[in-house]
Amino acid sequence: MRIVAGTHGSRVLKTLSGQTTRPTTDKVRGAIFSKIGPYFDGGTFLDVFGGSGAMALEAISRGMHAATIIEKDSRALKVIQDNVKTLNVTQQVTVQKGDALTVTKRLSGTFDVIFMDPPYAYTELPSVFLNLIEGNLLHTDSIVIVEMDSRADLSDQIGDWHCYDTKSYGISKVKFYEHAPQ
């Protein structure tokens, strides 16, 4: 796995082998950032299910000034910390250890782009999304991106947030949400 573009483009990242994480492929990561950017002049990024940290590190590489990564698996946390150190972005990246449902209740501030790629069969995703809304972690211009198994589903309307696009990539699909009050 590597950073696709930006200041750290082509840099190789460590990944976690095993069944606990499902890394977003370089192709899908590149497609997501091409849709929402592809480059940024500052901004904040939240990766709710960190895995290797690749999405947040891609965001930093493409110009976001800060990223927060949530991860509960201790082995994945070690990989994230190693990748952050390798890219020398420790001042820009904050890592929060814990379950997404719990950590999103205690976070503060707002985020411009939020990415969620939960493990297969994770049933609390709607609750995590609601935590983002109720905790005022989103602003009206935020974008929420959810990657999931192609057979999984998430409502197209969550609070005042509406899915404005869905893309399929093999066994994964990606949903893009924007603020759209009814």
C-alpha atoms as a PDB file:
ATOM      1  CA  MET A   1       0.000   0.000   0.000  1.00  0.00           C
ATOM      2  CA  ARG A   2       1.235   3.480  -0.826  1.00  0.00           C
ATOM      3  CA  ILE A   3       0.243   7.129  -0.705  1.00  0.00           C
ATOM      4  CA  VAL A   4      -1.304   7.855  -4.108  1.00  0.00           C
ATOM      5  CA  ALA A   5      -0.602  11.586  -4.559  1.00  0.00           C
ATOM      6  CA  GLY A   6       0.563  14.800  -2.941  1.00  0.00           C
ATOM      7  CA  THR A   7       3.667  15.668  -0.954  1.00  0.00           C
ATOM      8  CA  HIS A   8       4.134  12.056   0.138  1.00  0.00           C
ATOM      9  CA  GLY A   9       2.991  10.475  -3.141  1.00  0.00           C
ATOM     10  CA  SER A  10       4.383   6.975  -3.819  1.00  0.00           C
ATOM     11  CA  ARG A  11       5.596   6.539  -0.230  1.00  0.00           C
ATOM     12  CA  VAL A  12       4.981   2.977   0.927  1.00  0.00           C
ATOM     13  CA  LEU A  13       2.907   2.409   4.068  1.00  0.00           C
ATOM     14  CA  LYS A  14       2.876  -0.516   6.450  1.00  0.00           C
ATOM     15  CA  THR A  15      -0.317  -2.542   6.562  1.00  0.00           C
ATOM     16  CA  LEU A  16      -1.764  -4.954   9.043  1.00  0.00           C
ATOM     17  CA  SER A  17      -2.038  -8.546   7.920  1.00  0.00           C
ATOM     18  CA  GLY A  18      -4.941 -10.610   9.124  1.00  0.00           C
ATOM     19  CA  GLN A  19      -8.698 -10.493   9.310  1.00  0.00           C
ATOM     20  CA  THR A  20      -9.235  -7.502  11.619  1.00  0.00           C
ATOM     21  CA  THR A  21      -8.761  -4.789   8.984  1.00  0.00           C
ATOM     22  CA  ARG A  22      -9.806  -4.369   5.367  1.00  0.00           C
ATOM     23  CA  PRO A  23      -7.574  -1.677   3.858  1.00  0.00           C
ATOM     24  CA  THR A  24      -9.017   0.666   1.270  1.00  0.00           C
ATOM     25  CA  THR A  25      -7.130  -0.131  -1.932  1.00  0.00           C
ATOM     26  CA  ASP A  26      -4.907   2.469  -3.593  1.00  0.00           C
ATOM     27  CA  LYS A  27      -7.355   2.555  -6.515  1.00  0.00           C
ATOM     28  CA  VAL A  28     -10.399   3.257  -4.344  1.00  0.00           C
ATOM     29  CA  ARG A  29      -8.501   5.781  -2.204  1.00  0.00           C
ATOM     30  CA  GLY A  30      -7.380   7.602  -5.344  1.00  0.00           C
ATOM     31  CA  ALA A  31     -10.929   7.625  -6.731  1.00  0.00           C
ATOM     32  CA  ILE A  32     -12.379   8.980  -3.479  1.00  0.00           C
ATOM     33  CA  PHE A  33      -9.874  11.816  -3.299  1.00  0.00           C
ATOM     34  CA  SER A  34     -10.291  12.617  -7.000  1.00  0.00           C
ATOM     35  CA  LYS A  35     -14.011  13.058  -6.339  1.00  0.00           C
ATOM     36  CA  ILE A  36     -13.721  15.284  -3.267  1.00  0.00           C
ATOM     37  CA  GLY A  37     -10.477  17.175  -3.973  1.00  0.00           C
ATOM     38  CA  PRO A  38      -8.215  16.026  -5.299  1.00  0.00           C
ATOM     39  CA  TYR A  39      -6.018  18.485  -3.369  1.00  0.00           C
ATOM     40  CA  PHE A  40      -6.794  20.703  -0.387  1.00  0.00           C
ATOM     41  CA  ASP A  41      -5.634  24.043   0.956  1.00  0.00           C
ATOM     42  CA  GLY A  42      -5.885  23.123   4.619  1.00  0.00           C
ATOM     43  CA  GLY A  43      -8.798  21.522   6.390  1.00  0.00           C
ATOM     44  CA  THR A  44      -9.409  18.754   8.890  1.00  0.00           C
ATOM     45  CA  PHE A  45      -9.931  15.039   8.279  1.00  0.00           C
ATOM     46  CA  LEU A  46     -11.411  12.372  10.549  1.00  0.00           C
ATOM     47  CA  ASP A  47     -10.797   8.666   9.878  1.00  0.00           C
ATOM     48  CA  VAL A  48     -13.220   6.851  12.165  1.00  0.00           C
ATOM     49  CA  PHE A  49     -11.963   3.278  11.642  1.00  0.00           C
ATOM     50  CA  GLY A  50      -8.247   3.902  11.092  1.00  0.00           C
ATOM     51  CA  GLY A  51      -6.804   0.532  10.075  1.00  0.00           C
ATOM     52  CA  SER A  52      -3.374   1.495   8.711  1.00  0.00           C
ATOM     53  CA  GLY A  53      -4.150   5.230   8.743  1.00  0.00           C
ATOM     54  CA  ALA A  54      -3.781   5.404   4.961  1.00  0.00           C
ATOM     55  CA  MET A  55      -6.874   7.560   4.350  1.00  0.00           C
ATOM     56  CA  ALA A  56      -5.871  10.205   6.887  1.00  0.00           C
ATOM     57  CA  LEU A  57      -2.269  10.162   5.670  1.00  0.00           C
ATOM     58  CA  GLU A  58      -3.470  10.538   2.069  1.00  0.00           C
ATOM     59  CA  ALA A  59      -5.498  13.566   3.204  1.00  0.00           C
ATOM     60  CA  ILE A  60      -2.411  15.116   4.834  1.00  0.00           C
ATOM     61  CA  SER A  61      -0.342  14.377   1.724  1.00  0.00           C
ATOM     62  CA  ARG A  62      -2.962  16.162  -0.392  1.00  0.00           C
ATOM     63  CA  GLY A  63      -2.981  19.321   1.730  1.00  0.00           C
ATOM     64  CA  MET A  64      -5.214  18.854   4.772  1.00  0.00           C
ATOM     65  CA  HIS A  65      -3.498  20.515   7.723  1.00  0.00           C
ATOM     66  CA  ALA A  66      -4.736  18.105  10.418  1.00  0.00           C
ATOM     67  CA  ALA A  67      -6.143  14.597  10.740  1.00  0.00           C
ATOM     68  CA  THR A  68      -7.583  12.544  13.576  1.00  0.00           C
ATOM     69  CA  ILE A  69      -7.602   8.751  13.418  1.00  0.00           C
ATOM     70  CA  ILE A  70      -9.778   6.523  15.613  1.00  0.00           C
ATOM     71  CA  GLU A  71      -8.745   2.885  16.043  1.00  0.00           C
ATOM     72  CA  LYS A  72      -9.356   0.323  18.775  1.00  0.00           C
ATOM     73  CA  ASP A  73      -7.098  -2.558  17.672  1.00  0.00           C
ATOM     74  CA  SER A  74      -3.689  -2.306  19.380  1.00  0.00           C
ATOM     75  CA  ARG A  75      -1.854  -3.922  16.452  1.00  0.00           C
ATOM     76  CA  ALA A  76      -3.442  -1.477  14.019  1.00  0.00           C
ATOM     77  CA  LEU A  77      -2.538   1.418  16.334  1.00  0.00           C
ATOM     78  CA  LYS A  78       1.125   0.377  16.160  1.00  0.00           C
ATOM     79  CA  VAL A  79       0.979   0.326  12.341  1.00  0.00           C
ATOM     80  CA  ILE A  80      -0.674   3.775  12.308  1.00  0.00           C
ATOM     81  CA  GLN A  81       1.966   5.211  14.641  1.00  0.00           C
ATOM     82  CA  ASP A  82       4.760   3.730  12.506  1.00  0.00           C
ATOM     83  CA  ASN A  83       3.240   5.191   9.315  1.00  0.00           C
ATOM     84  CA  VAL A  84       2.794   8.620  10.923  1.00  0.00           C
ATOM     85  CA  LYS A  85       6.452   8.605  12.025  1.00  0.00           C
ATOM     86  CA  THR A  86       7.656   7.356   8.626  1.00  0.00           C
ATOM     87  CA  LEU A  87       5.971  10.315   6.899  1.00  0.00           C
ATOM     88  CA  ASN A  88       7.122  12.703   9.649  1.00  0.00           C
ATOM     89  CA  VAL A  89       3.610  14.088  10.221  1.00  0.00           C
ATOM     90  CA  THR A  90       3.342  13.587  13.988  1.00  0.00           C
ATOM     91  CA  GLN A  91       2.428  17.271  14.461  1.00  0.00           C
ATOM     92  CA  GLN A  92      -0.490  16.974  12.037  1.00  0.00           C
ATOM     93  CA  VAL A  93      -2.003  13.645  13.082  1.00  0.00           C
ATOM     94  CA  THR A  94      -3.798  12.790  16.323  1.00  0.00           C
ATOM     95  CA  VAL A  95      -4.552   9.160  17.097  1.00  0.00           C
ATOM     96  CA  GLN A  96      -7.450   8.284  19.413  1.00  0.00           C
ATOM     97  CA  LYS A  97      -7.521   4.765  20.859  1.00  0.00           C
ATOM     98  CA  GLY A  98     -10.947   3.273  21.395  1.00  0.00           C
ATOM     99  CA  ASP A  99     -14.193   2.092  19.890  1.00  0.00           C
ATOM    100  CA  ALA A 100     -15.691   4.449  17.308  1.00  0.00           C
ATOM    101  CA  LEU A 101     -19.012   4.646  19.137  1.00  0.00           C
ATOM    102  CA  THR A 102     -17.303   5.769  22.357  1.00  0.00           C
ATOM    103  CA  VAL A 103     -14.622   8.040  20.901  1.00  0.00           C
ATOM    104  CA  THR A 104     -17.034   9.953  18.648  1.00  0.00           C
ATOM    105  CA  LYS A 105     -19.012  10.878  21.775  1.00  0.00           C
ATOM    106  CA  ARG A 106     -15.996  12.596  23.360  1.00  0.00           C
ATOM    107  CA  LEU A 107     -14.345  14.275  20.353  1.00  0.00           C
ATOM    108  CA  SER A 108     -14.539  18.036  19.979  1.00  0.00           C
ATOM    109  CA  GLY A 109     -14.084  20.427  17.089  1.00  0.00           C
ATOM    110  CA  THR A 110     -15.389  20.084  13.561  1.00  0.00           C
ATOM    111  CA  PHE A 111     -14.084  18.157  10.586  1.00  0.00           C
ATOM    112  CA  ASP A 112     -14.235  19.012   6.894  1.00  0.00           C
ATOM    113  CA  VAL A 113     -14.028  15.429   5.637  1.00  0.00           C
ATOM    114  CA  ILE A 114     -15.052  12.356   7.606  1.00  0.00           C
ATOM    115  CA  PHE A 115     -14.230   8.867   6.361  1.00  0.00           C
ATOM    116  CA  MET A 116     -15.741   5.701   7.810  1.00  0.00           C
ATOM    117  CA  ASP A 117     -14.806   2.208   6.650  1.00  0.00           C
ATOM    118  CA  PRO A 118     -16.098  -0.074   9.405  1.00  0.00           C
ATOM    119  CA  PRO A 119     -15.220  -3.750   9.741  1.00  0.00           C
ATOM    120  CA  TYR A 120     -17.542  -6.197   8.015  1.00  0.00           C
ATOM    121  CA  ALA A 121     -20.728  -6.869   9.994  1.00  0.00           C
ATOM    122  CA  TYR A 122     -20.290  -3.720  12.120  1.00  0.00           C
ATOM    123  CA  THR A 123     -23.821  -2.854  13.202  1.00  0.00           C
ATOM    124  CA  GLU A 124     -23.272   0.470  14.997  1.00  0.00           C
ATOM    125  CA  LEU A 125     -22.515   2.618  11.935  1.00  0.00           C
ATOM    126  CA  PRO A 126     -25.813   4.577  12.045  1.00  0.00           C
ATOM    127  CA  SER A 127     -25.167   5.341  15.731  1.00  0.00           C
ATOM    128  CA  VAL A 128     -21.614   6.503  14.998  1.00  0.00           C
ATOM    129  CA  PHE A 129     -22.966   8.770  12.225  1.00  0.00           C
ATOM    130  CA  LEU A 130     -25.531  10.193  14.681  1.00  0.00           C
ATOM    131  CA  ASN A 131     -22.737  10.812  17.227  1.00  0.00           C
ATOM    132  CA  LEU A 132     -20.960  12.923  14.601  1.00  0.00           C
ATOM    133  CA  ILE A 133     -24.136  14.955  14.074  1.00  0.00           C
ATOM    134  CA  GLU A 134     -25.184  15.280  17.717  1.00  0.00           C
ATOM    135  CA  GLY A 135     -21.633  16.049  18.869  1.00  0.00           C
ATOM    136  CA  ASN A 136     -21.407  18.941  16.383  1.00  0.00           C
ATOM    137  CA  LEU A 137     -18.362  17.361  14.741  1.00  0.00           C
ATOM    138  CA  LEU A 138     -19.772  18.250  11.309  1.00  0.00           C
ATOM    139  CA  HIS A 139     -20.427  21.649   9.771  1.00  0.00           C
ATOM    140  CA  THR A 140     -22.742  22.409   6.860  1.00  0.00           C
ATOM    141  CA  ASP A 141     -19.913  22.073   4.310  1.00  0.00           C
ATOM    142  CA  SER A 142     -18.531  18.793   5.691  1.00  0.00           C
ATOM    143  CA  ILE A 143     -18.464  15.690   3.511  1.00  0.00           C
ATOM    144  CA  VAL A 144     -19.025  12.264   5.065  1.00  0.00           C
ATOM    145  CA  ILE A 145     -17.714   9.274   3.109  1.00  0.00           C
ATOM    146  CA  VAL A 146     -18.675   5.716   4.026  1.00  0.00           C
ATOM    147  CA  GLU A 147     -17.004   2.669   2.487  1.00  0.00           C
ATOM    148  CA  MET A 148     -18.701  -0.663   3.063  1.00  0.00           C
ATOM    149  CA  ASP A 149     -19.203  -4.139   1.695  1.00  0.00           C
ATOM    150  CA  SER A 150     -21.190  -3.987  -1.542  1.00  0.00           C
ATOM    151  CA  ARG A 151     -23.968  -6.043   0.081  1.00  0.00           C
ATOM    152  CA  ALA A 152     -24.266  -3.792   3.146  1.00  0.00           C
ATOM    153  CA  ASP A 153     -26.521  -0.786   3.274  1.00  0.00           C
ATOM    154  CA  LEU A 154     -26.809   2.490   5.109  1.00  0.00           C
ATOM    155  CA  SER A 155     -29.794   4.805   4.847  1.00  0.00           C
ATOM    156  CA  ASP A 156     -29.533   7.558   2.235  1.00  0.00           C
ATOM    157  CA  GLN A 157     -30.843  10.037   4.823  1.00  0.00           C
ATOM    158  CA  ILE A 158     -29.349  10.297   8.316  1.00  0.00           C
ATOM    159  CA  GLY A 159     -30.585  13.346  10.167  1.00  0.00           C
ATOM    160  CA  ASP A 160     -29.994  16.316   7.866  1.00  0.00           C
ATOM    161  CA  TRP A 161     -27.349  14.408   5.904  1.00  0.00           C
ATOM    162  CA  HIS A 162     -28.222  13.006   2.485  1.00  0.00           C
ATOM    163  CA  CYS A 163     -26.316  10.553   0.283  1.00  0.00           C
ATOM    164  CA  TYR A 164     -25.657  12.437  -2.943  1.00  0.00           C
ATOM    165  CA  ASP A 165     -23.634   9.736  -4.698  1.00  0.00           C
ATOM    166  CA  THR A 166     -22.779   6.042  -4.468  1.00  0.00           C
ATOM    167  CA  LYS A 167     -19.876   4.399  -6.292  1.00  0.00           C
ATOM    168  CA  SER A 168     -19.158   0.672  -6.588  1.00  0.00           C
ATOM    169  CA  TYR A 169     -15.633  -0.757  -6.632  1.00  0.00           C
ATOM    170  CA  GLY A 170     -15.730  -4.554  -6.836  1.00  0.00           C
ATOM    171  CA  ILE A 171     -16.668  -5.900  -3.407  1.00  0.00           C
ATOM    172  CA  SER A 172     -16.908  -2.401  -1.903  1.00  0.00           C
ATOM    173  CA  LYS A 173     -19.220   0.530  -2.326  1.00  0.00           C
ATOM    174  CA  VAL A 174     -18.662   4.108  -1.256  1.00  0.00           C
ATOM    175  CA  LYS A 175     -21.434   6.508  -0.248  1.00  0.00           C
ATOM    176  CA  PHE A 176     -20.943  10.293  -0.149  1.00  0.00           C
ATOM    177  CA  TYR A 177     -23.079  12.396   2.201  1.00  0.00           C
ATOM    178  CA  GLU A 178     -23.647  16.150   2.359  1.00  0.00           C
ATOM    179  CA  HIS A 179     -25.689  18.416   4.599  1.00  0.00           C
ATOM    180  CA  ALA A 180     -29.153  18.756   3.062  1.00  0.00           C
ATOM    181  CA  PRO A 181     -31.818  19.849   5.553  1.00  0.00           C
ATOM    182  CA  GLN A 182     -35.297  18.703   4.649  1.00  0.00           C
END
